[in-house]
């Protein structure tokens, strides 16, 4: 899986096996195809998520992804970056293997748009990496189970907060995950925990387009004041779509889309995050019962589903400003978050 992800990010195709069938798949976003042999030219079908086509005005429904037949690489590449749709060729629901190919591109944090071509058994290439549909389906679980604790050390923080940084490594490429243990959490009571998805723009640079940096700092402050807690700093930039796609979404938002619709235009759902890794980190730290700092009910359901007992929820109050007002309202009105905001002018 890791090598296939790297191949796709480099613009090269991989083979996806499902039963007796083999499919050649390549990102339609990348253009590094000149080095491929002629038979790997991938003139075939383009598979796009339903969200992408609907966001561009196509009248389609009833499937998680749609295949568009008989496209060349150039035609598919143009369609991937189109902002509106003209008349389309034949559409049909994506197959199991085609849906799996889209998931593989999401793991690679590429745009979920894949060129697919069915291979005859005699055409399968030994030089090309291959992966099964089952490998793709089980990827999140296997990454979580492979997680190991590799380093931990005290790191003093601002405002005299004592903390220990704990680093976890799994099989998910270079994505080390981080837990920050603030103070001395009481192991006999539900430990306060915050699942915080990395946000470069908000956490590091203080972006006013979101409330991420403020939530990060308030969570650590809350732990320090209450005697202890754990912040899981998860490598899930842009709600799981990666930094480059997050910047693409920001550009769409500047053109009038809200955060949910911008992600849909790119082909992503409103929240692509998974929490198997977070649950595994909690277990490896020795806890099974938590109080979760969150305004997102989906995080509570996800931890419960993966064996962590969420005893209660602690609200995390943020600040609304003119730059993040639409973003925060979309999270509440369209993504089911609980409203926990004060209003304050942007500085």
C-alpha atoms as a PDB file:
ATOM      1  CA  UNK A   1       0.000   0.000   0.000  1.00  0.00           C
ATOM      2  CA  UNK A   2       2.718   2.489   0.936  1.00  0.00           C
ATOM      3  CA  UNK A   3       4.637   1.887  -2.272  1.00  0.00           C
ATOM      4  CA  UNK A   4       1.467   2.111  -4.382  1.00  0.00           C
ATOM      5  CA  UNK A   5       0.621   5.440  -2.749  1.00  0.00           C
ATOM      6  CA  UNK A   6       4.121   6.707  -3.583  1.00  0.00           C
ATOM      7  CA  UNK A   7       3.772   5.520  -7.184  1.00  0.00           C
ATOM      8  CA  UNK A   8       0.499   7.382  -7.643  1.00  0.00           C
ATOM      9  CA  UNK A   9       1.927  10.568  -6.134  1.00  0.00           C
ATOM     10  CA  UNK A  10       4.808  10.287  -8.605  1.00  0.00           C
ATOM     11  CA  UNK A  11       2.410  10.109 -11.547  1.00  0.00           C
ATOM     12  CA  UNK A  12       2.857   6.417 -12.262  1.00  0.00           C
ATOM     13  CA  UNK A  13       0.055   3.828 -12.532  1.00  0.00           C
ATOM     14  CA  UNK A  14      -0.569   0.861 -10.269  1.00  0.00           C
ATOM     15  CA  UNK A  15      -2.559  -2.324 -10.733  1.00  0.00           C
ATOM     16  CA  UNK A  16      -5.616  -3.084  -8.606  1.00  0.00           C
ATOM     17  CA  UNK A  17      -6.706  -6.699  -8.357  1.00  0.00           C
ATOM     18  CA  UNK A  18     -10.226  -7.815  -7.520  1.00  0.00           C
ATOM     19  CA  UNK A  19     -10.930 -11.514  -7.835  1.00  0.00           C
ATOM     20  CA  UNK A  20      -9.736 -12.643 -11.244  1.00  0.00           C
ATOM     21  CA  UNK A  21      -9.753  -9.098 -12.657  1.00  0.00           C
ATOM     22  CA  UNK A  22      -6.876  -6.626 -12.815  1.00  0.00           C
ATOM     23  CA  UNK A  23      -7.317  -2.901 -13.345  1.00  0.00           C
ATOM     24  CA  UNK A  24      -4.731  -0.327 -14.316  1.00  0.00           C
ATOM     25  CA  UNK A  25      -5.246   2.900 -12.347  1.00  0.00           C
ATOM     26  CA  UNK A  26      -3.562   6.286 -12.434  1.00  0.00           C
ATOM     27  CA  UNK A  27      -4.251   9.685 -10.957  1.00  0.00           C
ATOM     28  CA  UNK A  28      -5.933  11.934 -13.518  1.00  0.00           C
ATOM     29  CA  UNK A  29      -4.417  14.913 -11.709  1.00  0.00           C
ATOM     30  CA  UNK A  30      -0.818  14.078 -12.564  1.00  0.00           C
ATOM     31  CA  UNK A  31       0.701  14.408 -16.007  1.00  0.00           C
ATOM     32  CA  UNK A  32       3.840  12.305 -15.665  1.00  0.00           C
ATOM     33  CA  UNK A  33       2.852   9.798 -18.332  1.00  0.00           C
ATOM     34  CA  UNK A  34       5.513  10.256 -21.012  1.00  0.00           C
ATOM     35  CA  UNK A  35       7.786   7.638 -19.453  1.00  0.00           C
ATOM     36  CA  UNK A  36       5.097   4.957 -19.573  1.00  0.00           C
ATOM     37  CA  UNK A  37       5.035   2.265 -22.209  1.00  0.00           C
ATOM     38  CA  UNK A  38       2.446   2.659 -24.934  1.00  0.00           C
ATOM     39  CA  UNK A  39       0.153   0.005 -23.480  1.00  0.00           C
ATOM     40  CA  UNK A  40      -0.005   1.981 -20.231  1.00  0.00           C
ATOM     41  CA  UNK A  41      -1.351   5.109 -21.906  1.00  0.00           C
ATOM     42  CA  UNK A  42      -4.609   4.677 -20.006  1.00  0.00           C
ATOM     43  CA  UNK A  43      -7.079   5.854 -22.571  1.00  0.00           C
ATOM     44  CA  UNK A  44     -10.161   4.506 -20.851  1.00  0.00           C
ATOM     45  CA  UNK A  45     -12.605   5.780 -18.266  1.00  0.00           C
ATOM     46  CA  UNK A  46     -12.436   8.506 -15.684  1.00  0.00           C
ATOM     47  CA  UNK A  47     -13.939   7.801 -12.266  1.00  0.00           C
ATOM     48  CA  UNK A  48     -15.087  10.746 -10.135  1.00  0.00           C
ATOM     49  CA  UNK A  49     -16.867  10.918  -6.780  1.00  0.00           C
ATOM     50  CA  UNK A  50     -20.542  11.733  -6.892  1.00  0.00           C
ATOM     51  CA  UNK A  51     -19.887  14.931  -4.882  1.00  0.00           C
ATOM     52  CA  UNK A  52     -17.608  16.285  -7.606  1.00  0.00           C
ATOM     53  CA  UNK A  53     -20.125  15.789 -10.425  1.00  0.00           C
ATOM     54  CA  UNK A  54     -23.067  17.101  -8.396  1.00  0.00           C
ATOM     55  CA  UNK A  55     -21.113  20.169  -7.324  1.00  0.00           C
ATOM     56  CA  UNK A  56     -20.492  20.932 -10.999  1.00  0.00           C
ATOM     57  CA  UNK A  57     -24.165  20.601 -11.876  1.00  0.00           C
ATOM     58  CA  UNK A  58     -24.443  17.071 -13.249  1.00  0.00           C
ATOM     59  CA  UNK A  59     -27.804  15.410 -12.600  1.00  0.00           C
ATOM     60  CA  UNK A  60     -26.540  12.119 -11.180  1.00  0.00           C
ATOM     61  CA  UNK A  61     -27.411  10.142  -8.052  1.00  0.00           C
ATOM     62  CA  UNK A  62     -27.616   6.674  -6.594  1.00  0.00           C
ATOM     63  CA  UNK A  63     -23.916   5.789  -6.418  1.00  0.00           C
ATOM     64  CA  UNK A  64     -20.868   6.870  -4.426  1.00  0.00           C
ATOM     65  CA  UNK A  65     -18.825   7.349  -7.610  1.00  0.00           C
ATOM     66  CA  UNK A  66     -19.469   7.629 -11.340  1.00  0.00           C
ATOM     67  CA  UNK A  67     -17.425   6.346 -14.295  1.00  0.00           C
ATOM     68  CA  UNK A  68     -17.219   8.432 -17.465  1.00  0.00           C
ATOM     69  CA  UNK A  69     -16.429   6.293 -20.500  1.00  0.00           C
ATOM     70  CA  UNK A  70     -14.064   6.790 -23.439  1.00  0.00           C
ATOM     71  CA  UNK A  71     -11.796   9.628 -22.364  1.00  0.00           C
ATOM     72  CA  UNK A  72      -8.197  10.257 -23.295  1.00  0.00           C
ATOM     73  CA  UNK A  73      -5.696  11.385 -20.674  1.00  0.00           C
ATOM     74  CA  UNK A  74      -5.896  14.973 -21.965  1.00  0.00           C
ATOM     75  CA  UNK A  75      -9.703  14.994 -21.855  1.00  0.00           C
ATOM     76  CA  UNK A  76      -9.751  13.481 -18.377  1.00  0.00           C
ATOM     77  CA  UNK A  77      -7.138  15.919 -17.077  1.00  0.00           C
ATOM     78  CA  UNK A  78      -9.152  18.872 -18.391  1.00  0.00           C
ATOM     79  CA  UNK A  79     -12.323  17.548 -16.767  1.00  0.00           C
ATOM     80  CA  UNK A  80     -10.600  17.107 -13.401  1.00  0.00           C
ATOM     81  CA  UNK A  81      -9.884  20.837 -13.227  1.00  0.00           C
ATOM     82  CA  UNK A  82     -13.064  22.095 -14.911  1.00  0.00           C
ATOM     83  CA  UNK A  83     -15.246  24.546 -13.004  1.00  0.00           C
ATOM     84  CA  UNK A  84     -18.392  23.706 -14.953  1.00  0.00           C
ATOM     85  CA  UNK A  85     -19.575  20.814 -17.064  1.00  0.00           C
ATOM     86  CA  UNK A  86     -20.661  20.669 -20.659  1.00  0.00           C
ATOM     87  CA  UNK A  87     -22.360  17.615 -22.114  1.00  0.00           C
ATOM     88  CA  UNK A  88     -20.767  14.445 -20.777  1.00  0.00           C
ATOM     89  CA  UNK A  89     -20.201  11.065 -22.420  1.00  0.00           C
ATOM     90  CA  UNK A  90     -21.863   7.947 -21.081  1.00  0.00           C
ATOM     91  CA  UNK A  91     -22.061   7.739 -17.291  1.00  0.00           C
ATOM     92  CA  UNK A  92     -22.464   4.651 -15.130  1.00  0.00           C
ATOM     93  CA  UNK A  93     -22.000   3.728 -11.444  1.00  0.00           C
ATOM     94  CA  UNK A  94     -18.422   2.868 -10.523  1.00  0.00           C
ATOM     95  CA  UNK A  95     -17.457  -0.736  -9.897  1.00  0.00           C
ATOM     96  CA  UNK A  96     -16.004  -2.073  -6.649  1.00  0.00           C
ATOM     97  CA  UNK A  97     -12.471  -1.825  -8.050  1.00  0.00           C
ATOM     98  CA  UNK A  98     -13.047   1.721  -9.339  1.00  0.00           C
ATOM     99  CA  UNK A  99     -14.333   2.859  -5.946  1.00  0.00           C
ATOM    100  CA  UNK A 100     -11.276   1.292  -4.337  1.00  0.00           C
ATOM    101  CA  UNK A 101      -9.038   3.182  -6.772  1.00  0.00           C
ATOM    102  CA  UNK A 102     -10.617   6.460  -5.632  1.00  0.00           C
ATOM    103  CA  UNK A 103      -9.961   5.531  -1.997  1.00  0.00           C
ATOM    104  CA  UNK A 104      -6.332   4.831  -2.870  1.00  0.00           C
ATOM    105  CA  UNK A 105      -5.992   8.324  -4.341  1.00  0.00           C
ATOM    106  CA  UNK A 106      -7.479   9.797  -1.169  1.00  0.00           C
ATOM    107  CA  UNK A 107      -4.836   7.974   0.881  1.00  0.00           C
ATOM    108  CA  UNK A 108      -2.278   9.641  -1.408  1.00  0.00           C
ATOM    109  CA  UNK A 109      -4.003  13.022  -0.805  1.00  0.00           C
ATOM    110  CA  UNK A 110      -4.389  13.539  -4.525  1.00  0.00           C
ATOM    111  CA  UNK A 111      -7.586  14.777  -6.117  1.00  0.00           C
ATOM    112  CA  UNK A 112     -10.014  11.809  -6.160  1.00  0.00           C
ATOM    113  CA  UNK A 113     -10.116  11.450  -9.932  1.00  0.00           C
ATOM    114  CA  UNK A 114      -8.757   8.237 -11.388  1.00  0.00           C
ATOM    115  CA  UNK A 115      -8.159   6.948 -14.891  1.00  0.00           C
ATOM    116  CA  UNK A 116      -8.980   3.245 -15.013  1.00  0.00           C
ATOM    117  CA  UNK A 117      -8.489   0.584 -17.648  1.00  0.00           C
ATOM    118  CA  UNK A 118      -9.313  -3.100 -17.328  1.00  0.00           C
ATOM    119  CA  UNK A 119      -6.356  -5.357 -18.050  1.00  0.00           C
ATOM    120  CA  UNK A 120      -6.511  -8.774 -19.639  1.00  0.00           C
ATOM    121  CA  UNK A 121      -4.817 -11.403 -17.490  1.00  0.00           C
ATOM    122  CA  UNK A 122      -1.986 -11.704 -20.011  1.00  0.00           C
ATOM    123  CA  UNK A 123      -1.390  -7.927 -19.955  1.00  0.00           C
ATOM    124  CA  UNK A 124      -0.667  -7.573 -16.229  1.00  0.00           C
ATOM    125  CA  UNK A 125       2.773  -6.023 -15.851  1.00  0.00           C
ATOM    126  CA  UNK A 126       5.267  -7.516 -13.414  1.00  0.00           C
ATOM    127  CA  UNK A 127       7.196  -4.221 -13.232  1.00  0.00           C
ATOM    128  CA  UNK A 128       4.139  -2.387 -11.953  1.00  0.00           C
ATOM    129  CA  UNK A 129       3.109  -2.481  -8.306  1.00  0.00           C
ATOM    130  CA  UNK A 130      -0.224  -4.058  -7.541  1.00  0.00           C
ATOM    131  CA  UNK A 131      -2.631  -4.039  -4.626  1.00  0.00           C
ATOM    132  CA  UNK A 132      -5.940  -5.752  -3.920  1.00  0.00           C
ATOM    133  CA  UNK A 133      -9.298  -4.207  -3.148  1.00  0.00           C
ATOM    134  CA  UNK A 134      -9.108  -5.854   0.282  1.00  0.00           C
ATOM    135  CA  UNK A 135      -5.723  -4.222   0.927  1.00  0.00           C
ATOM    136  CA  UNK A 136      -7.304  -0.842   0.256  1.00  0.00           C
ATOM    137  CA  UNK A 137     -10.387  -1.535   2.382  1.00  0.00           C
ATOM    138  CA  UNK A 138      -8.276  -2.655   5.365  1.00  0.00           C
ATOM    139  CA  UNK A 139      -5.647   0.087   5.125  1.00  0.00           C
ATOM    140  CA  UNK A 140      -6.879   2.333   7.961  1.00  0.00           C
ATOM    141  CA  UNK A 141      -7.257  -0.596  10.344  1.00  0.00           C
ATOM    142  CA  UNK A 142      -3.857  -2.054   9.536  1.00  0.00           C
ATOM    143  CA  UNK A 143      -2.120   1.314   9.920  1.00  0.00           C
ATOM    144  CA  UNK A 144      -3.742   1.773  13.332  1.00  0.00           C
ATOM    145  CA  UNK A 145      -2.789  -1.710  14.501  1.00  0.00           C
ATOM    146  CA  UNK A 146       0.818  -1.191  13.392  1.00  0.00           C
ATOM    147  CA  UNK A 147       1.143   1.966  15.486  1.00  0.00           C
ATOM    148  CA  UNK A 148       3.998   1.867  18.009  1.00  0.00           C
ATOM    149  CA  UNK A 149       5.269   4.321  20.620  1.00  0.00           C
ATOM    150  CA  UNK A 150       8.795   5.331  19.593  1.00  0.00           C
ATOM    151  CA  UNK A 151       9.758   8.341  21.735  1.00  0.00           C
ATOM    152  CA  UNK A 152       8.597  10.355  24.724  1.00  0.00           C
ATOM    153  CA  UNK A 153      10.189  13.285  26.493  1.00  0.00           C
ATOM    154  CA  UNK A 154       9.251  16.273  28.729  1.00  0.00           C
ATOM    155  CA  UNK A 155       8.785  19.565  26.855  1.00  0.00           C
ATOM    156  CA  UNK A 156       8.023  22.742  28.857  1.00  0.00           C
ATOM    157  CA  UNK A 157       5.294  24.942  27.361  1.00  0.00           C
ATOM    158  CA  UNK A 158       4.269  28.573  27.730  1.00  0.00           C
ATOM    159  CA  UNK A 159       2.463  29.661  30.910  1.00  0.00           C
ATOM    160  CA  UNK A 160       4.451  27.115  32.958  1.00  0.00           C
ATOM    161  CA  UNK A 161       2.450  24.177  31.602  1.00  0.00           C
ATOM    162  CA  UNK A 162       4.348  20.941  32.114  1.00  0.00           C
ATOM    163  CA  UNK A 163       3.978  18.508  29.235  1.00  0.00           C
ATOM    164  CA  UNK A 164       5.323  15.290  27.817  1.00  0.00           C
ATOM    165  CA  UNK A 165       5.489  14.765  24.058  1.00  0.00           C
ATOM    166  CA  UNK A 166       4.865  11.183  22.930  1.00  0.00           C
ATOM    167  CA  UNK A 167       5.560  10.189  19.313  1.00  0.00           C
ATOM    168  CA  UNK A 168       3.900   7.229  17.581  1.00  0.00           C
ATOM    169  CA  UNK A 169       4.972   5.629  14.331  1.00  0.00           C
ATOM    170  CA  UNK A 170       2.916   3.361  12.114  1.00  0.00           C
ATOM    171  CA  UNK A 171       3.041   2.051   8.570  1.00  0.00           C
ATOM    172  CA  UNK A 172       1.394   5.133   7.067  1.00  0.00           C
ATOM    173  CA  UNK A 173       4.381   6.617   5.267  1.00  0.00           C
ATOM    174  CA  UNK A 174       6.104   9.451   7.116  1.00  0.00           C
ATOM    175  CA  UNK A 175       3.032  10.379   9.140  1.00  0.00           C
ATOM    176  CA  UNK A 176       4.229  10.149  12.712  1.00  0.00           C
ATOM    177  CA  UNK A 177       1.471  11.008  15.187  1.00  0.00           C
ATOM    178  CA  UNK A 178       1.900  13.021  18.369  1.00  0.00           C
ATOM    179  CA  UNK A 179       0.305  12.959  21.812  1.00  0.00           C
ATOM    180  CA  UNK A 180       0.915  15.831  24.240  1.00  0.00           C
ATOM    181  CA  UNK A 181       0.291  14.853  27.860  1.00  0.00           C
ATOM    182  CA  UNK A 182      -0.273  18.030  29.873  1.00  0.00           C
ATOM    183  CA  UNK A 183       0.093  17.872  33.649  1.00  0.00           C
ATOM    184  CA  UNK A 184      -0.760  14.640  35.454  1.00  0.00           C
ATOM    185  CA  UNK A 185      -4.034  13.120  34.199  1.00  0.00           C
ATOM    186  CA  UNK A 186      -5.860  11.072  36.817  1.00  0.00           C
ATOM    187  CA  UNK A 187      -5.930   7.455  35.550  1.00  0.00           C
ATOM    188  CA  UNK A 188      -8.851   6.580  37.865  1.00  0.00           C
ATOM    189  CA  UNK A 189     -11.186   9.106  36.201  1.00  0.00           C
ATOM    190  CA  UNK A 190     -12.114   9.764  32.563  1.00  0.00           C
ATOM    191  CA  UNK A 191      -9.050  11.502  31.136  1.00  0.00           C
ATOM    192  CA  UNK A 192      -9.746  14.801  29.333  1.00  0.00           C
ATOM    193  CA  UNK A 193      -8.720  14.399  25.685  1.00  0.00           C
ATOM    194  CA  UNK A 194      -8.731  16.593  22.615  1.00  0.00           C
ATOM    195  CA  UNK A 195      -8.462  15.079  19.115  1.00  0.00           C
ATOM    196  CA  UNK A 196      -6.844  17.922  17.195  1.00  0.00           C
ATOM    197  CA  UNK A 197      -6.264  17.682  13.463  1.00  0.00           C
ATOM    198  CA  UNK A 198      -3.097  19.460  12.346  1.00  0.00           C
ATOM    199  CA  UNK A 199      -3.747  22.870  10.779  1.00  0.00           C
ATOM    200  CA  UNK A 200      -0.585  24.548   9.542  1.00  0.00           C
ATOM    201  CA  UNK A 201      -2.281  27.841   8.732  1.00  0.00           C
ATOM    202  CA  UNK A 202      -4.184  28.136  12.017  1.00  0.00           C
ATOM    203  CA  UNK A 203      -1.915  26.393  14.515  1.00  0.00           C
ATOM    204  CA  UNK A 204       1.387  27.896  13.374  1.00  0.00           C
ATOM    205  CA  UNK A 205       0.555  31.102  11.521  1.00  0.00           C
ATOM    206  CA  UNK A 206      -2.584  32.229  13.363  1.00  0.00           C
ATOM    207  CA  UNK A 207      -4.881  32.215  10.327  1.00  0.00           C
ATOM    208  CA  UNK A 208      -8.224  33.907  10.928  1.00  0.00           C
ATOM    209  CA  UNK A 209     -10.007  31.697   8.384  1.00  0.00           C
ATOM    210  CA  UNK A 210     -10.605  28.982  10.997  1.00  0.00           C
ATOM    211  CA  UNK A 211     -10.642  28.486  14.762  1.00  0.00           C
ATOM    212  CA  UNK A 212      -8.085  25.649  14.869  1.00  0.00           C
ATOM    213  CA  UNK A 213      -5.190  27.488  16.487  1.00  0.00           C
ATOM    214  CA  UNK A 214      -7.468  28.941  19.133  1.00  0.00           C
ATOM    215  CA  UNK A 215      -8.927  25.512  19.894  1.00  0.00           C
ATOM    216  CA  UNK A 216      -5.424  24.053  20.202  1.00  0.00           C
ATOM    217  CA  UNK A 217      -4.294  26.684  22.696  1.00  0.00           C
ATOM    218  CA  UNK A 218      -7.524  26.632  24.692  1.00  0.00           C
ATOM    219  CA  UNK A 219      -7.405  22.852  25.009  1.00  0.00           C
ATOM    220  CA  UNK A 220      -3.861  22.914  26.409  1.00  0.00           C
ATOM    221  CA  UNK A 221      -4.801  25.770  28.742  1.00  0.00           C
ATOM    222  CA  UNK A 222      -7.834  23.816  29.952  1.00  0.00           C
ATOM    223  CA  UNK A 223      -5.706  20.747  30.683  1.00  0.00           C
ATOM    224  CA  UNK A 224      -3.134  22.805  32.589  1.00  0.00           C
ATOM    225  CA  UNK A 225      -5.810  24.486  34.715  1.00  0.00           C
ATOM    226  CA  UNK A 226      -7.687  21.251  35.485  1.00  0.00           C
ATOM    227  CA  UNK A 227      -4.617  19.222  36.478  1.00  0.00           C
ATOM    228  CA  UNK A 228      -4.059  17.195  33.344  1.00  0.00           C
ATOM    229  CA  UNK A 229      -5.216  16.036  29.945  1.00  0.00           C
ATOM    230  CA  UNK A 230      -4.035  14.699  26.592  1.00  0.00           C
ATOM    231  CA  UNK A 231      -4.031  16.369  23.205  1.00  0.00           C
ATOM    232  CA  UNK A 232      -3.698  14.011  20.244  1.00  0.00           C
ATOM    233  CA  UNK A 233      -2.147  16.041  17.425  1.00  0.00           C
ATOM    234  CA  UNK A 234      -3.245  14.105  14.346  1.00  0.00           C
ATOM    235  CA  UNK A 235      -1.777  14.459  10.860  1.00  0.00           C
ATOM    236  CA  UNK A 236      -5.145  15.146   9.194  1.00  0.00           C
ATOM    237  CA  UNK A 237      -4.635  18.531   7.541  1.00  0.00           C
ATOM    238  CA  UNK A 238      -7.746  20.019   5.958  1.00  0.00           C
ATOM    239  CA  UNK A 239     -10.120  17.497   7.569  1.00  0.00           C
ATOM    240  CA  UNK A 240      -8.128  14.719   5.950  1.00  0.00           C
ATOM    241  CA  UNK A 241      -7.599  16.059   2.413  1.00  0.00           C
ATOM    242  CA  UNK A 242      -4.023  17.323   2.837  1.00  0.00           C
ATOM    243  CA  UNK A 243      -2.408  20.744   2.617  1.00  0.00           C
ATOM    244  CA  UNK A 244      -2.412  21.157  -1.171  1.00  0.00           C
ATOM    245  CA  UNK A 245      -6.113  20.303  -1.456  1.00  0.00           C
ATOM    246  CA  UNK A 246      -6.884  22.531   1.516  1.00  0.00           C
ATOM    247  CA  UNK A 247      -5.277  25.455  -0.322  1.00  0.00           C
ATOM    248  CA  UNK A 248      -7.319  24.577  -3.417  1.00  0.00           C
ATOM    249  CA  UNK A 249     -10.435  24.620  -1.246  1.00  0.00           C
ATOM    250  CA  UNK A 250      -9.439  28.015   0.172  1.00  0.00           C
ATOM    251  CA  UNK A 251      -9.142  29.365  -3.377  1.00  0.00           C
ATOM    252  CA  UNK A 252     -12.654  28.100  -4.133  1.00  0.00           C
ATOM    253  CA  UNK A 253     -13.935  29.692  -0.931  1.00  0.00           C
ATOM    254  CA  UNK A 254     -12.463  32.999  -2.070  1.00  0.00           C
ATOM    255  CA  UNK A 255     -14.635  32.568  -5.175  1.00  0.00           C
ATOM    256  CA  UNK A 256     -17.825  32.191  -3.132  1.00  0.00           C
ATOM    257  CA  UNK A 257     -18.070  28.533  -2.076  1.00  0.00           C
ATOM    258  CA  UNK A 258     -18.477  27.593   1.570  1.00  0.00           C
ATOM    259  CA  UNK A 259     -16.115  25.035   3.113  1.00  0.00           C
ATOM    260  CA  UNK A 260     -18.402  22.052   2.421  1.00  0.00           C
ATOM    261  CA  UNK A 261     -19.115  22.938  -1.207  1.00  0.00           C
ATOM    262  CA  UNK A 262     -15.455  23.750  -1.883  1.00  0.00           C
ATOM    263  CA  UNK A 263     -14.430  20.259  -0.765  1.00  0.00           C
ATOM    264  CA  UNK A 264     -17.222  18.755  -2.879  1.00  0.00           C
ATOM    265  CA  UNK A 265     -15.978  20.547  -6.005  1.00  0.00           C
ATOM    266  CA  UNK A 266     -12.599  18.897  -5.394  1.00  0.00           C
ATOM    267  CA  UNK A 267     -14.312  15.533  -5.027  1.00  0.00           C
ATOM    268  CA  UNK A 268     -14.036  15.169  -1.276  1.00  0.00           C
ATOM    269  CA  UNK A 269     -16.730  14.712   1.355  1.00  0.00           C
ATOM    270  CA  UNK A 270     -17.300  17.314   4.052  1.00  0.00           C
ATOM    271  CA  UNK A 271     -15.027  15.383   6.453  1.00  0.00           C
ATOM    272  CA  UNK A 272     -12.612  12.674   5.297  1.00  0.00           C
ATOM    273  CA  UNK A 273     -11.039  12.016   8.700  1.00  0.00           C
ATOM    274  CA  UNK A 274     -10.876   8.579  10.325  1.00  0.00           C
ATOM    275  CA  UNK A 275     -10.170   7.914  13.985  1.00  0.00           C
ATOM    276  CA  UNK A 276      -8.858   4.340  14.246  1.00  0.00           C
ATOM    277  CA  UNK A 277      -5.368   5.762  14.811  1.00  0.00           C
ATOM    278  CA  UNK A 278      -6.593   8.134  17.530  1.00  0.00           C
ATOM    279  CA  UNK A 279      -8.326   5.300  19.375  1.00  0.00           C
ATOM    280  CA  UNK A 280      -5.196   3.165  19.129  1.00  0.00           C
ATOM    281  CA  UNK A 281      -3.085   6.000  20.567  1.00  0.00           C
ATOM    282  CA  UNK A 282      -5.430   6.277  23.554  1.00  0.00           C
ATOM    283  CA  UNK A 283      -5.105   2.531  24.206  1.00  0.00           C
ATOM    284  CA  UNK A 284      -1.293   2.582  23.884  1.00  0.00           C
ATOM    285  CA  UNK A 285      -1.188   5.418  26.418  1.00  0.00           C
ATOM    286  CA  UNK A 286      -3.070   3.185  28.842  1.00  0.00           C
ATOM    287  CA  UNK A 287      -6.533   4.773  28.815  1.00  0.00           C
ATOM    288  CA  UNK A 288      -9.944   3.491  27.788  1.00  0.00           C
ATOM    289  CA  UNK A 289     -12.327   6.063  29.318  1.00  0.00           C
ATOM    290  CA  UNK A 290     -12.184   9.716  28.308  1.00  0.00           C
ATOM    291  CA  UNK A 291     -13.883  13.091  28.510  1.00  0.00           C
ATOM    292  CA  UNK A 292     -13.695  14.535  25.010  1.00  0.00           C
ATOM    293  CA  UNK A 293     -13.094  18.231  24.321  1.00  0.00           C
ATOM    294  CA  UNK A 294     -15.014  18.714  21.095  1.00  0.00           C
ATOM    295  CA  UNK A 295     -17.927  20.375  19.349  1.00  0.00           C
ATOM    296  CA  UNK A 296     -18.086  17.524  16.807  1.00  0.00           C
ATOM    297  CA  UNK A 297     -20.456  14.648  17.723  1.00  0.00           C
ATOM    298  CA  UNK A 298     -18.854  12.479  15.006  1.00  0.00           C
ATOM    299  CA  UNK A 299     -15.648  12.290  17.043  1.00  0.00           C
ATOM    300  CA  UNK A 300     -17.598  10.932  20.012  1.00  0.00           C
ATOM    301  CA  UNK A 301     -19.270   8.290  17.841  1.00  0.00           C
ATOM    302  CA  UNK A 302     -15.954   7.351  16.206  1.00  0.00           C
ATOM    303  CA  UNK A 303     -14.103   6.789  19.484  1.00  0.00           C
ATOM    304  CA  UNK A 304     -17.010   4.798  20.890  1.00  0.00           C
ATOM    305  CA  UNK A 305     -17.071   2.671  17.738  1.00  0.00           C
ATOM    306  CA  UNK A 306     -13.373   1.849  18.187  1.00  0.00           C
ATOM    307  CA  UNK A 307     -13.621   0.743  21.799  1.00  0.00           C
ATOM    308  CA  UNK A 308     -13.001   3.980  23.704  1.00  0.00           C
ATOM    309  CA  UNK A 309     -15.633   4.876  26.314  1.00  0.00           C
ATOM    310  CA  UNK A 310     -16.477   8.584  25.954  1.00  0.00           C
ATOM    311  CA  UNK A 311     -17.905   9.394  29.378  1.00  0.00           C
ATOM    312  CA  UNK A 312     -18.852  12.982  28.538  1.00  0.00           C
ATOM    313  CA  UNK A 313     -18.218  15.944  26.259  1.00  0.00           C
ATOM    314  CA  UNK A 314     -16.522  19.189  27.194  1.00  0.00           C
ATOM    315  CA  UNK A 315     -17.424  22.143  24.977  1.00  0.00           C
ATOM    316  CA  UNK A 316     -14.593  24.056  23.360  1.00  0.00           C
ATOM    317  CA  UNK A 317     -15.600  27.691  22.921  1.00  0.00           C
ATOM    318  CA  UNK A 318     -14.075  29.523  19.975  1.00  0.00           C
ATOM    319  CA  UNK A 319     -14.157  33.080  18.655  1.00  0.00           C
ATOM    320  CA  UNK A 320     -16.054  34.099  15.542  1.00  0.00           C
ATOM    321  CA  UNK A 321     -14.572  36.855  13.397  1.00  0.00           C
ATOM    322  CA  UNK A 322     -15.440  38.274   9.957  1.00  0.00           C
ATOM    323  CA  UNK A 323     -12.958  35.913   8.270  1.00  0.00           C
ATOM    324  CA  UNK A 324     -14.160  32.632   9.814  1.00  0.00           C
ATOM    325  CA  UNK A 325     -17.859  33.387  10.315  1.00  0.00           C
ATOM    326  CA  UNK A 326     -19.007  31.547   7.193  1.00  0.00           C
ATOM    327  CA  UNK A 327     -16.710  28.603   7.949  1.00  0.00           C
ATOM    328  CA  UNK A 328     -18.007  28.222  11.507  1.00  0.00           C
ATOM    329  CA  UNK A 329     -21.639  28.535  10.440  1.00  0.00           C
ATOM    330  CA  UNK A 330     -21.122  25.876   7.751  1.00  0.00           C
ATOM    331  CA  UNK A 331     -19.682  23.493  10.341  1.00  0.00           C
ATOM    332  CA  UNK A 332     -22.819  23.915  12.462  1.00  0.00           C
ATOM    333  CA  UNK A 333     -25.482  24.102   9.755  1.00  0.00           C
ATOM    334  CA  UNK A 334     -24.051  21.578   7.285  1.00  0.00           C
ATOM    335  CA  UNK A 335     -21.659  19.306   9.202  1.00  0.00           C
ATOM    336  CA  UNK A 336     -23.575  18.841  12.444  1.00  0.00           C
ATOM    337  CA  UNK A 337     -21.135  20.545  14.804  1.00  0.00           C
ATOM    338  CA  UNK A 338     -22.428  22.032  18.032  1.00  0.00           C
ATOM    339  CA  UNK A 339     -22.372  25.829  18.181  1.00  0.00           C
ATOM    340  CA  UNK A 340     -19.864  26.998  20.775  1.00  0.00           C
ATOM    341  CA  UNK A 341     -18.643  30.434  19.641  1.00  0.00           C
ATOM    342  CA  UNK A 342     -18.284  33.923  20.984  1.00  0.00           C
ATOM    343  CA  UNK A 343     -18.151  36.907  18.640  1.00  0.00           C
ATOM    344  CA  UNK A 344     -15.156  39.173  18.623  1.00  0.00           C
ATOM    345  CA  UNK A 345     -13.624  41.497  16.037  1.00  0.00           C
ATOM    346  CA  UNK A 346     -10.656  40.070  14.151  1.00  0.00           C
ATOM    347  CA  UNK A 347      -7.333  41.484  15.314  1.00  0.00           C
END
